[in-house]
Amino acid sequence: MSKAATSTSVASGRLFGNRIVVWDIAESRKLYGSGYYGKPIGVPKPKGLEFDAALVLDLMEGCFLVEKGRLKISQVDGRQVSQTEIKKICKKQYVDFEAKYLVFLDLREKGYVVSPGIKFGCDFAVYEQGPGIDHAPYLVQVFRATDEISATGIVLAGRLATTVKKQFILAIPKMTEKKVEYVGFDWWRA
């Protein structure tokens, strides 16, 4: 499995609240193996593709995979969820979805593996290679250029990142230009 791995098949997922489940094991393995999308249910740290579990995706991953033509999503009643509809659902679930999604897209297009960063108190945990291969070296928080961040906020985020041996990065999306600027913080001990 590598950052460049791709697959042309389309997986089928079912929308349950704010998660999407791919029940077919072969499709789950293929999707996971093509870029570390989602997490196999009940497998905390999968080693390779030898898991026998459904795959659970967060909404942002699902939106991305639908946009790339790699996933079809249906409701519990079987009705198909369109790309427009999944984006509407995402906008309800994520604060400032469009800015966060632009950062997600930018990181994915640069070859990084992007996971939700909620357990670290940030928007994304970002891997260079993938879960099980390396630890996520970056914690990314999305800020608009007009947002205010206090010195205390930066120190808190930096201390957390340092404690878990990661670099804290601010991602600043330029919405009109469809690009993202990044500011990384390194912490030194005196």
N, C-alpha and C. Protein backbone atom coordinates (compact mmCIF):
# COMPACT_ATOMS: atom_id res chain seq x y z
N MET A 1 0.84 -1.18 0.00
CA MET A 1 0.00 0.00 0.00
C MET A 1 0.88 1.23 0.00
N SER A 2 0.61 2.13 -0.89
CA SER A 2 1.40 3.36 -0.96
C SER A 2 0.50 4.55 -1.16
N LYS A 3 1.08 5.74 -1.01
CA LYS A 3 0.31 6.96 -1.21
C LYS A 3 -0.25 7.02 -2.62
N ALA A 4 0.45 6.44 -3.57
CA ALA A 4 0.05 6.55 -4.97
C ALA A 4 -0.93 5.46 -5.40
N ALA A 5 -1.23 4.50 -4.50
CA ALA A 5 -2.12 3.42 -4.88
C ALA A 5 -3.50 3.96 -5.24
N THR A 6 -4.06 3.44 -6.32
CA THR A 6 -5.39 3.87 -6.74
C THR A 6 -6.22 2.67 -7.11
N SER A 7 -7.49 2.86 -7.21
CA SER A 7 -8.40 1.80 -7.59
C SER A 7 -9.52 2.43 -8.42
N THR A 8 -9.95 1.72 -9.44
CA THR A 8 -10.99 2.27 -10.29
C THR A 8 -12.37 1.77 -9.90
N SER A 9 -12.46 0.79 -8.99
CA SER A 9 -13.77 0.26 -8.62
C SER A 9 -14.51 1.25 -7.72
N VAL A 10 -15.82 1.12 -7.73
CA VAL A 10 -16.67 1.99 -6.92
C VAL A 10 -17.26 1.16 -5.79
N ALA A 11 -17.00 1.59 -4.57
CA ALA A 11 -17.52 0.91 -3.39
C ALA A 11 -18.92 1.44 -3.08
N SER A 12 -19.67 0.65 -2.32
CA SER A 12 -21.01 1.05 -1.90
C SER A 12 -21.01 1.23 -0.39
N GLY A 13 -21.50 2.39 0.04
CA GLY A 13 -21.58 2.67 1.47
C GLY A 13 -22.99 3.02 1.89
N ARG A 14 -23.27 2.82 3.15
CA ARG A 14 -24.59 3.13 3.71
C ARG A 14 -24.41 4.23 4.75
N LEU A 15 -25.22 5.27 4.66
CA LEU A 15 -25.15 6.41 5.56
C LEU A 15 -25.93 6.11 6.84
N PHE A 16 -25.23 6.21 7.98
CA PHE A 16 -25.82 6.05 9.30
C PHE A 16 -25.44 7.27 10.12
N GLY A 17 -26.35 8.22 10.26
CA GLY A 17 -26.06 9.44 11.02
C GLY A 17 -24.93 10.22 10.37
N ASN A 18 -23.80 10.35 11.09
CA ASN A 18 -22.66 11.10 10.55
C ASN A 18 -21.50 10.17 10.16
N ARG A 19 -21.83 8.94 9.84
CA ARG A 19 -20.83 7.97 9.39
C ARG A 19 -21.35 7.22 8.17
N ILE A 20 -20.42 6.67 7.41
CA ILE A 20 -20.75 5.86 6.25
C ILE A 20 -20.08 4.51 6.45
N VAL A 21 -20.82 3.44 6.28
CA VAL A 21 -20.28 2.10 6.46
C VAL A 21 -20.25 1.38 5.12
N VAL A 22 -19.09 0.83 4.79
CA VAL A 22 -18.92 -0.03 3.63
C VAL A 22 -18.93 -1.46 4.18
N TRP A 23 -20.02 -2.18 3.94
CA TRP A 23 -20.21 -3.49 4.55
C TRP A 23 -19.43 -4.60 3.84
N ASP A 24 -19.28 -4.50 2.53
CA ASP A 24 -18.60 -5.55 1.77
C ASP A 24 -17.11 -5.56 2.14
N ILE A 25 -16.63 -6.70 2.60
CA ILE A 25 -15.24 -6.82 3.10
C ILE A 25 -14.23 -6.56 1.98
N ALA A 26 -14.47 -7.11 0.80
CA ALA A 26 -13.53 -6.91 -0.32
C ALA A 26 -13.47 -5.43 -0.70
N GLU A 27 -14.63 -4.77 -0.75
CA GLU A 27 -14.64 -3.34 -1.05
C GLU A 27 -13.96 -2.54 0.06
N SER A 28 -14.17 -2.95 1.31
CA SER A 28 -13.53 -2.28 2.45
C SER A 28 -12.01 -2.36 2.35
N ARG A 29 -11.52 -3.55 2.06
CA ARG A 29 -10.07 -3.74 1.93
C ARG A 29 -9.51 -2.89 0.78
N LYS A 30 -10.22 -2.91 -0.35
CA LYS A 30 -9.74 -2.18 -1.52
C LYS A 30 -9.69 -0.67 -1.25
N LEU A 31 -10.74 -0.15 -0.63
CA LEU A 31 -10.81 1.28 -0.32
C LEU A 31 -9.74 1.67 0.70
N TYR A 32 -9.62 0.88 1.74
CA TYR A 32 -8.61 1.15 2.77
C TYR A 32 -7.20 1.08 2.16
N GLY A 33 -6.98 0.08 1.34
CA GLY A 33 -5.67 -0.13 0.73
C GLY A 33 -5.29 0.89 -0.32
N SER A 34 -6.27 1.65 -0.81
CA SER A 34 -5.97 2.63 -1.86
C SER A 34 -5.68 4.02 -1.31
N GLY A 35 -5.57 4.14 0.00
CA GLY A 35 -5.26 5.46 0.55
C GLY A 35 -5.60 5.60 2.02
N TYR A 36 -5.79 4.47 2.70
CA TYR A 36 -6.10 4.47 4.13
C TYR A 36 -7.36 5.27 4.45
N TYR A 37 -8.40 5.03 3.67
CA TYR A 37 -9.67 5.68 3.92
C TYR A 37 -10.42 4.90 4.99
N GLY A 38 -10.97 5.60 5.97
CA GLY A 38 -11.78 4.98 7.00
C GLY A 38 -10.99 4.13 7.97
N LYS A 39 -11.77 3.38 8.79
CA LYS A 39 -11.20 2.47 9.77
C LYS A 39 -12.03 1.21 9.79
N PRO A 40 -11.36 0.04 9.77
CA PRO A 40 -12.12 -1.21 9.90
C PRO A 40 -12.76 -1.26 11.29
N ILE A 41 -14.04 -1.61 11.34
CA ILE A 41 -14.77 -1.65 12.61
C ILE A 41 -14.17 -2.74 13.50
N GLY A 42 -13.82 -2.35 14.72
CA GLY A 42 -13.30 -3.30 15.71
C GLY A 42 -11.84 -3.65 15.53
N VAL A 43 -11.14 -2.98 14.62
CA VAL A 43 -9.72 -3.24 14.39
C VAL A 43 -8.98 -1.94 14.67
N PRO A 44 -8.47 -1.76 15.91
CA PRO A 44 -7.88 -0.46 16.27
C PRO A 44 -6.67 -0.06 15.42
N LYS A 45 -5.78 -1.00 15.13
CA LYS A 45 -4.60 -0.68 14.33
C LYS A 45 -4.39 -1.78 13.29
N PRO A 46 -5.08 -1.66 12.16
CA PRO A 46 -4.96 -2.71 11.14
C PRO A 46 -3.54 -2.78 10.57
N LYS A 47 -3.08 -3.98 10.39
CA LYS A 47 -1.77 -4.22 9.76
C LYS A 47 -2.05 -4.77 8.37
N GLY A 48 -1.93 -3.93 7.37
CA GLY A 48 -2.20 -4.36 6.01
C GLY A 48 -3.68 -4.50 5.74
N LEU A 49 -4.01 -5.37 4.79
CA LEU A 49 -5.40 -5.52 4.35
C LEU A 49 -6.07 -6.79 4.84
N GLU A 50 -5.40 -7.49 5.72
CA GLU A 50 -5.97 -8.75 6.20
C GLU A 50 -6.88 -8.54 7.39
N PHE A 51 -7.99 -7.85 7.15
CA PHE A 51 -9.00 -7.69 8.18
C PHE A 51 -10.33 -8.15 7.61
N ASP A 52 -11.16 -8.68 8.47
CA ASP A 52 -12.48 -9.16 8.08
C ASP A 52 -13.54 -8.31 8.77
N ALA A 53 -13.58 -7.04 8.40
CA ALA A 53 -14.51 -6.13 9.04
C ALA A 53 -15.00 -5.09 8.03
N ALA A 54 -16.18 -4.57 8.32
CA ALA A 54 -16.69 -3.47 7.51
C ALA A 54 -15.83 -2.24 7.78
N LEU A 55 -15.90 -1.29 6.89
CA LEU A 55 -15.10 -0.06 6.99
C LEU A 55 -16.03 1.10 7.32
N VAL A 56 -15.64 1.91 8.31
CA VAL A 56 -16.43 3.09 8.64
C VAL A 56 -15.67 4.33 8.20
N LEU A 57 -16.35 5.20 7.46
CA LEU A 57 -15.77 6.44 6.95
C LEU A 57 -16.43 7.62 7.63
N ASP A 58 -15.67 8.70 7.84
CA ASP A 58 -16.34 9.91 8.31
C ASP A 58 -16.93 10.62 7.08
N LEU A 59 -17.77 11.60 7.33
CA LEU A 59 -18.48 12.26 6.23
C LEU A 59 -17.54 12.96 5.25
N MET A 60 -16.46 13.56 5.75
CA MET A 60 -15.56 14.28 4.86
C MET A 60 -14.87 13.31 3.89
N GLU A 61 -14.43 12.17 4.41
CA GLU A 61 -13.84 11.15 3.54
C GLU A 61 -14.87 10.67 2.52
N GLY A 62 -16.09 10.45 2.99
CA GLY A 62 -17.15 10.00 2.09
C GLY A 62 -17.42 11.01 0.99
N CYS A 63 -17.47 12.27 1.36
CA CYS A 63 -17.69 13.34 0.38
C CYS A 63 -16.58 13.34 -0.67
N PHE A 64 -15.35 13.22 -0.21
CA PHE A 64 -14.19 13.19 -1.10
C PHE A 64 -14.26 12.00 -2.06
N LEU A 65 -14.58 10.82 -1.51
CA LEU A 65 -14.62 9.62 -2.34
C LEU A 65 -15.78 9.65 -3.33
N VAL A 66 -16.90 10.25 -2.95
CA VAL A 66 -18.02 10.42 -3.89
C VAL A 66 -17.58 11.35 -5.02
N GLU A 67 -16.94 12.45 -4.64
CA GLU A 67 -16.47 13.43 -5.63
C GLU A 67 -15.48 12.80 -6.61
N LYS A 68 -14.65 11.87 -6.13
CA LYS A 68 -13.66 11.21 -6.98
C LYS A 68 -14.24 10.02 -7.74
N GLY A 69 -15.52 9.73 -7.54
CA GLY A 69 -16.16 8.61 -8.25
C GLY A 69 -15.77 7.26 -7.70
N ARG A 70 -15.37 7.20 -6.45
CA ARG A 70 -14.90 5.95 -5.84
C ARG A 70 -15.89 5.35 -4.87
N LEU A 71 -16.98 6.10 -4.56
CA LEU A 71 -17.94 5.64 -3.57
C LEU A 71 -19.34 6.09 -3.96
N LYS A 72 -20.30 5.18 -3.78
CA LYS A 72 -21.72 5.52 -3.90
C LYS A 72 -22.32 5.31 -2.53
N ILE A 73 -23.10 6.30 -2.10
CA ILE A 73 -23.69 6.25 -0.77
C ILE A 73 -25.20 6.14 -0.89
N SER A 74 -25.78 5.31 -0.04
CA SER A 74 -27.24 5.20 0.02
C SER A 74 -27.70 5.41 1.46
N GLN A 75 -28.95 5.85 1.58
CA GLN A 75 -29.59 5.98 2.89
C GLN A 75 -29.97 4.58 3.37
N VAL A 76 -30.40 4.48 4.61
CA VAL A 76 -30.84 3.20 5.17
C VAL A 76 -31.99 2.61 4.34
N ASP A 77 -32.85 3.49 3.78
CA ASP A 77 -33.99 3.02 2.97
C ASP A 77 -33.59 2.64 1.54
N GLY A 78 -32.31 2.76 1.21
CA GLY A 78 -31.82 2.39 -0.11
C GLY A 78 -31.72 3.53 -1.10
N ARG A 79 -32.29 4.69 -0.77
CA ARG A 79 -32.24 5.85 -1.68
C ARG A 79 -30.80 6.35 -1.80
N GLN A 80 -30.37 6.61 -3.04
CA GLN A 80 -29.02 7.10 -3.29
C GLN A 80 -28.83 8.53 -2.77
N VAL A 81 -27.62 8.81 -2.28
CA VAL A 81 -27.25 10.14 -1.80
C VAL A 81 -26.35 10.76 -2.87
N SER A 82 -26.78 11.88 -3.42
CA SER A 82 -26.00 12.54 -4.47
C SER A 82 -24.81 13.29 -3.88
N GLN A 83 -23.91 13.70 -4.75
CA GLN A 83 -22.75 14.49 -4.33
C GLN A 83 -23.22 15.80 -3.69
N THR A 84 -24.22 16.43 -4.27
CA THR A 84 -24.77 17.68 -3.73
C THR A 84 -25.35 17.44 -2.34
N GLU A 85 -26.06 16.33 -2.19
CA GLU A 85 -26.69 16.02 -0.91
C GLU A 85 -25.66 15.71 0.17
N ILE A 86 -24.59 14.98 -0.16
CA ILE A 86 -23.58 14.67 0.86
C ILE A 86 -22.87 15.95 1.30
N LYS A 87 -22.68 16.89 0.37
CA LYS A 87 -22.06 18.17 0.76
C LYS A 87 -23.00 18.94 1.70
N LYS A 88 -24.31 18.90 1.44
CA LYS A 88 -25.26 19.57 2.34
C LYS A 88 -25.22 18.95 3.73
N ILE A 89 -25.13 17.63 3.79
CA ILE A 89 -25.04 16.93 5.08
C ILE A 89 -23.76 17.35 5.80
N CYS A 90 -22.66 17.41 5.06
CA CYS A 90 -21.38 17.82 5.65
C CYS A 90 -21.45 19.24 6.20
N LYS A 91 -22.09 20.13 5.48
CA LYS A 91 -22.20 21.53 5.92
C LYS A 91 -22.97 21.64 7.23
N LYS A 92 -23.91 20.70 7.47
CA LYS A 92 -24.64 20.69 8.74
C LYS A 92 -23.80 20.10 9.87
N GLN A 93 -22.93 19.18 9.55
CA GLN A 93 -22.15 18.47 10.57
C GLN A 93 -20.85 19.17 10.97
N TYR A 94 -20.21 19.85 10.02
CA TYR A 94 -18.91 20.47 10.28
C TYR A 94 -19.05 21.99 10.32
N VAL A 95 -18.49 22.60 11.34
CA VAL A 95 -18.41 24.06 11.39
C VAL A 95 -17.41 24.47 10.32
N ASP A 96 -17.79 25.40 9.45
CA ASP A 96 -16.93 25.91 8.38
C ASP A 96 -16.42 24.79 7.46
N PHE A 97 -17.36 23.94 7.05
CA PHE A 97 -17.03 22.78 6.22
C PHE A 97 -16.21 23.13 4.98
N GLU A 98 -16.60 24.15 4.25
CA GLU A 98 -15.92 24.44 2.98
C GLU A 98 -14.44 24.75 3.18
N ALA A 99 -14.09 25.48 4.23
CA ALA A 99 -12.68 25.78 4.52
C ALA A 99 -11.94 24.50 4.91
N LYS A 100 -12.55 23.69 5.76
CA LYS A 100 -11.91 22.44 6.19
C LYS A 100 -11.78 21.47 5.02
N TYR A 101 -12.79 21.43 4.17
CA TYR A 101 -12.74 20.51 3.03
C TYR A 101 -11.65 20.93 2.04
N LEU A 102 -11.45 22.23 1.86
CA LEU A 102 -10.37 22.70 0.99
C LEU A 102 -9.02 22.25 1.53
N VAL A 103 -8.83 22.31 2.83
CA VAL A 103 -7.58 21.85 3.45
C VAL A 103 -7.45 20.34 3.28
N PHE A 104 -8.54 19.60 3.53
CA PHE A 104 -8.54 18.15 3.35
C PHE A 104 -8.12 17.79 1.93
N LEU A 105 -8.75 18.44 0.94
CA LEU A 105 -8.43 18.19 -0.47
C LEU A 105 -6.96 18.48 -0.77
N ASP A 106 -6.48 19.62 -0.28
CA ASP A 106 -5.11 20.02 -0.54
C ASP A 106 -4.12 19.00 0.02
N LEU A 107 -4.34 18.57 1.24
CA LEU A 107 -3.44 17.59 1.85
C LEU A 107 -3.50 16.25 1.13
N ARG A 108 -4.70 15.80 0.79
CA ARG A 108 -4.85 14.53 0.06
C ARG A 108 -4.19 14.61 -1.31
N GLU A 109 -4.37 15.71 -2.00
CA GLU A 109 -3.77 15.86 -3.33
C GLU A 109 -2.25 15.93 -3.27
N LYS A 110 -1.71 16.33 -2.13
CA LYS A 110 -0.26 16.35 -1.94
C LYS A 110 0.28 15.00 -1.50
N GLY A 111 -0.61 14.00 -1.36
CA GLY A 111 -0.19 12.65 -1.04
C GLY A 111 -0.22 12.28 0.42
N TYR A 112 -0.75 13.14 1.27
CA TYR A 112 -0.84 12.82 2.69
C TYR A 112 -2.10 12.02 2.99
N VAL A 113 -2.06 11.28 4.08
CA VAL A 113 -3.22 10.57 4.58
C VAL A 113 -3.81 11.43 5.68
N VAL A 114 -5.09 11.77 5.55
CA VAL A 114 -5.74 12.72 6.46
C VAL A 114 -6.82 12.01 7.25
N SER A 115 -6.70 12.07 8.58
CA SER A 115 -7.68 11.46 9.48
C SER A 115 -8.28 12.53 10.37
N PRO A 116 -9.47 12.26 10.92
CA PRO A 116 -10.04 13.22 11.87
C PRO A 116 -9.08 13.40 13.06
N GLY A 117 -8.94 14.62 13.52
CA GLY A 117 -8.01 14.91 14.61
C GLY A 117 -8.68 15.14 15.95
N ILE A 118 -9.94 14.73 16.07
CA ILE A 118 -10.72 15.03 17.26
C ILE A 118 -10.05 14.53 18.54
N LYS A 119 -9.40 13.36 18.50
CA LYS A 119 -8.79 12.87 19.74
C LYS A 119 -7.59 13.70 20.16
N PHE A 120 -7.09 14.54 19.25
CA PHE A 120 -5.98 15.44 19.58
C PHE A 120 -6.47 16.89 19.75
N GLY A 121 -7.76 17.10 19.66
CA GLY A 121 -8.30 18.45 19.82
C GLY A 121 -8.03 19.37 18.65
N CYS A 122 -7.92 18.79 17.45
CA CYS A 122 -7.66 19.60 16.25
C CYS A 122 -8.53 19.08 15.11
N ASP A 123 -8.40 19.69 13.95
CA ASP A 123 -9.22 19.27 12.82
C ASP A 123 -8.73 17.97 12.18
N PHE A 124 -7.41 17.85 11.97
CA PHE A 124 -6.88 16.68 11.28
C PHE A 124 -5.58 16.17 11.91
N ALA A 125 -5.42 14.86 11.90
CA ALA A 125 -4.13 14.22 12.15
C ALA A 125 -3.65 13.79 10.76
N VAL A 126 -2.42 14.13 10.41
CA VAL A 126 -1.94 13.92 9.05
C VAL A 126 -0.72 13.01 9.05
N TYR A 127 -0.81 11.96 8.23
CA TYR A 127 0.26 10.97 8.08
C TYR A 127 1.01 11.20 6.78
N GLU A 128 2.29 10.89 6.80
CA GLU A 128 3.05 10.93 5.56
C GLU A 128 2.86 9.64 4.78
N GLN A 129 2.74 8.50 5.49
CA GLN A 129 2.60 7.22 4.81
C GLN A 129 1.27 6.55 5.11
N GLY A 130 0.88 6.47 6.35
CA GLY A 130 -0.41 5.88 6.70
C GLY A 130 -0.40 5.22 8.05
N PRO A 131 -1.59 5.03 8.62
CA PRO A 131 -1.70 4.38 9.93
C PRO A 131 -1.10 2.97 9.89
N GLY A 132 -0.41 2.62 10.94
CA GLY A 132 0.22 1.31 10.99
C GLY A 132 1.61 1.30 10.36
N ILE A 133 1.91 2.30 9.52
CA ILE A 133 3.23 2.41 8.91
C ILE A 133 4.04 3.47 9.65
N ASP A 134 3.43 4.62 9.86
CA ASP A 134 4.08 5.67 10.65
C ASP A 134 3.04 6.30 11.56
N HIS A 135 3.51 7.07 12.50
CA HIS A 135 2.60 7.84 13.34
C HIS A 135 2.33 9.15 12.63
N ALA A 136 1.17 9.74 12.86
CA ALA A 136 0.84 11.02 12.24
C ALA A 136 1.80 12.08 12.79
N PRO A 137 2.68 12.63 11.95
CA PRO A 137 3.63 13.61 12.47
C PRO A 137 3.06 15.02 12.60
N TYR A 138 1.85 15.24 12.06
CA TYR A 138 1.29 16.60 12.05
C TYR A 138 -0.12 16.64 12.62
N LEU A 139 -0.38 17.67 13.41
CA LEU A 139 -1.73 18.00 13.84
C LEU A 139 -2.09 19.31 13.16
N VAL A 140 -3.19 19.32 12.43
CA VAL A 140 -3.55 20.49 11.63
C VAL A 140 -4.85 21.09 12.14
N GLN A 141 -4.80 22.40 12.37
CA GLN A 141 -5.98 23.16 12.75
C GLN A 141 -6.26 24.18 11.65
N VAL A 142 -7.51 24.23 11.19
CA VAL A 142 -7.89 25.14 10.11
C VAL A 142 -8.32 26.48 10.71
N PHE A 143 -7.72 27.55 10.20
CA PHE A 143 -8.06 28.91 10.61
C PHE A 143 -8.24 29.76 9.37
N ARG A 144 -9.25 30.57 9.38
CA ARG A 144 -9.42 31.56 8.31
C ARG A 144 -8.44 32.69 8.59
N ALA A 145 -8.05 33.40 7.56
CA ALA A 145 -7.12 34.54 7.72
C ALA A 145 -7.70 35.60 8.63
N THR A 146 -9.03 35.65 8.72
CA THR A 146 -9.69 36.67 9.56
C THR A 146 -9.91 36.19 11.00
N ASP A 147 -9.66 34.91 11.28
CA ASP A 147 -9.84 34.37 12.63
C ASP A 147 -8.77 34.92 13.56
N GLU A 148 -9.12 35.01 14.82
CA GLU A 148 -8.15 35.43 15.81
C GLU A 148 -7.73 34.22 16.62
N ILE A 149 -6.45 34.13 16.89
CA ILE A 149 -5.93 33.08 17.76
C ILE A 149 -5.03 33.77 18.77
N SER A 150 -5.23 33.42 20.01
CA SER A 150 -4.45 34.05 21.07
C SER A 150 -3.11 33.34 21.23
N ALA A 151 -2.20 34.04 21.86
CA ALA A 151 -0.89 33.42 22.16
C ALA A 151 -1.11 32.20 23.04
N THR A 152 -2.06 32.29 23.96
CA THR A 152 -2.37 31.14 24.83
C THR A 152 -2.88 29.97 24.00
N GLY A 153 -3.72 30.24 23.01
CA GLY A 153 -4.24 29.19 22.15
C GLY A 153 -3.12 28.48 21.39
N ILE A 154 -2.18 29.24 20.89
CA ILE A 154 -1.04 28.65 20.17
C ILE A 154 -0.19 27.81 21.12
N VAL A 155 0.08 28.35 22.31
CA VAL A 155 0.89 27.61 23.29
C VAL A 155 0.19 26.32 23.70
N LEU A 156 -1.12 26.37 23.95
CA LEU A 156 -1.85 25.16 24.32
C LEU A 156 -1.78 24.11 23.23
N ALA A 157 -2.03 24.52 22.00
CA ALA A 157 -1.99 23.58 20.87
C ALA A 157 -0.58 23.03 20.69
N GLY A 158 0.42 23.91 20.80
CA GLY A 158 1.81 23.49 20.66
C GLY A 158 2.24 22.52 21.74
N ARG A 159 1.80 22.77 22.98
CA ARG A 159 2.16 21.87 24.08
C ARG A 159 1.53 20.50 23.88
N LEU A 160 0.27 20.48 23.46
CA LEU A 160 -0.38 19.20 23.19
C LEU A 160 0.36 18.45 22.08
N ALA A 161 0.65 19.14 20.99
CA ALA A 161 1.34 18.50 19.87
C ALA A 161 2.70 17.96 20.31
N THR A 162 3.43 18.74 21.08
CA THR A 162 4.75 18.31 21.55
C THR A 162 4.63 17.09 22.46
N THR A 163 3.62 17.09 23.32
CA THR A 163 3.41 15.97 24.24
C THR A 163 3.19 14.66 23.48
N VAL A 164 2.49 14.72 22.35
CA VAL A 164 2.23 13.51 21.56
C VAL A 164 3.22 13.37 20.40
N LYS A 165 4.30 14.14 20.44
CA LYS A 165 5.40 14.06 19.46
C LYS A 165 4.94 14.35 18.03
N LYS A 166 4.22 15.45 17.90
CA LYS A 166 3.72 15.87 16.59
C LYS A 166 3.97 17.36 16.41
N GLN A 167 3.95 17.80 15.17
CA GLN A 167 4.12 19.22 14.89
C GLN A 167 2.74 19.86 14.72
N PHE A 168 2.53 21.00 15.35
CA PHE A 168 1.28 21.75 15.25
C PHE A 168 1.36 22.65 14.02
N ILE A 169 0.34 22.55 13.18
CA ILE A 169 0.32 23.34 11.94
C ILE A 169 -1.03 24.05 11.82
N LEU A 170 -0.96 25.34 11.51
CA LEU A 170 -2.15 26.10 11.16
C LEU A 170 -2.32 26.03 9.65
N ALA A 171 -3.51 25.67 9.20
CA ALA A 171 -3.83 25.67 7.77
C ALA A 171 -4.74 26.86 7.53
N ILE A 172 -4.34 27.71 6.61
CA ILE A 172 -5.10 28.93 6.32
C ILE A 172 -5.58 28.86 4.88
N PRO A 173 -6.87 28.48 4.70
CA PRO A 173 -7.40 28.36 3.34
C PRO A 173 -7.68 29.73 2.73
N LYS A 174 -7.29 29.90 1.49
CA LYS A 174 -7.61 31.09 0.70
C LYS A 174 -8.74 30.68 -0.23
N MET A 175 -9.96 30.89 0.21
CA MET A 175 -11.14 30.35 -0.47
C MET A 175 -11.28 30.85 -1.91
N THR A 176 -11.04 32.13 -2.15
CA THR A 176 -11.23 32.66 -3.50
C THR A 176 -10.17 32.13 -4.46
N GLU A 177 -8.99 31.82 -3.94
CA GLU A 177 -7.91 31.32 -4.79
C GLU A 177 -7.86 29.79 -4.81
N LYS A 178 -8.66 29.14 -3.97
CA LYS A 178 -8.68 27.69 -3.85
C LYS A 178 -7.29 27.12 -3.56
N LYS A 179 -6.59 27.77 -2.61
CA LYS A 179 -5.30 27.25 -2.19
C LYS A 179 -5.18 27.41 -0.68
N VAL A 180 -4.17 26.76 -0.11
CA VAL A 180 -4.00 26.75 1.34
C VAL A 180 -2.56 27.12 1.68
N GLU A 181 -2.41 27.96 2.69
CA GLU A 181 -1.09 28.28 3.23
C GLU A 181 -0.97 27.59 4.58
N TYR A 182 0.23 27.15 4.91
CA TYR A 182 0.46 26.43 6.16
C TYR A 182 1.52 27.15 6.99
N VAL A 183 1.30 27.18 8.30
CA VAL A 183 2.27 27.74 9.23
C VAL A 183 2.53 26.67 10.28
N GLY A 184 3.79 26.21 10.35
CA GLY A 184 4.16 25.18 11.31
C GLY A 184 4.86 25.78 12.51
N PHE A 185 4.62 25.18 13.67
CA PHE A 185 5.26 25.63 14.89
C PHE A 185 6.16 24.52 15.44
N ASP A 186 7.40 24.87 15.72
CA ASP A 186 8.34 23.97 16.37
C ASP A 186 8.59 24.49 17.77
N TRP A 187 8.67 23.59 18.73
CA TRP A 187 8.86 23.98 20.12
C TRP A 187 10.23 23.50 20.58
N TRP A 188 10.95 24.38 21.20
CA TRP A 188 12.31 24.08 21.66
C TRP A 188 12.35 24.17 23.17
N ARG A 189 13.13 23.30 23.76
CA ARG A 189 13.33 23.38 25.20
C ARG A 189 14.57 24.19 25.48
N ALA A 190 14.48 25.03 26.50
CA ALA A 190 15.63 25.87 26.85
C ALA A 190 16.52 25.19 27.86
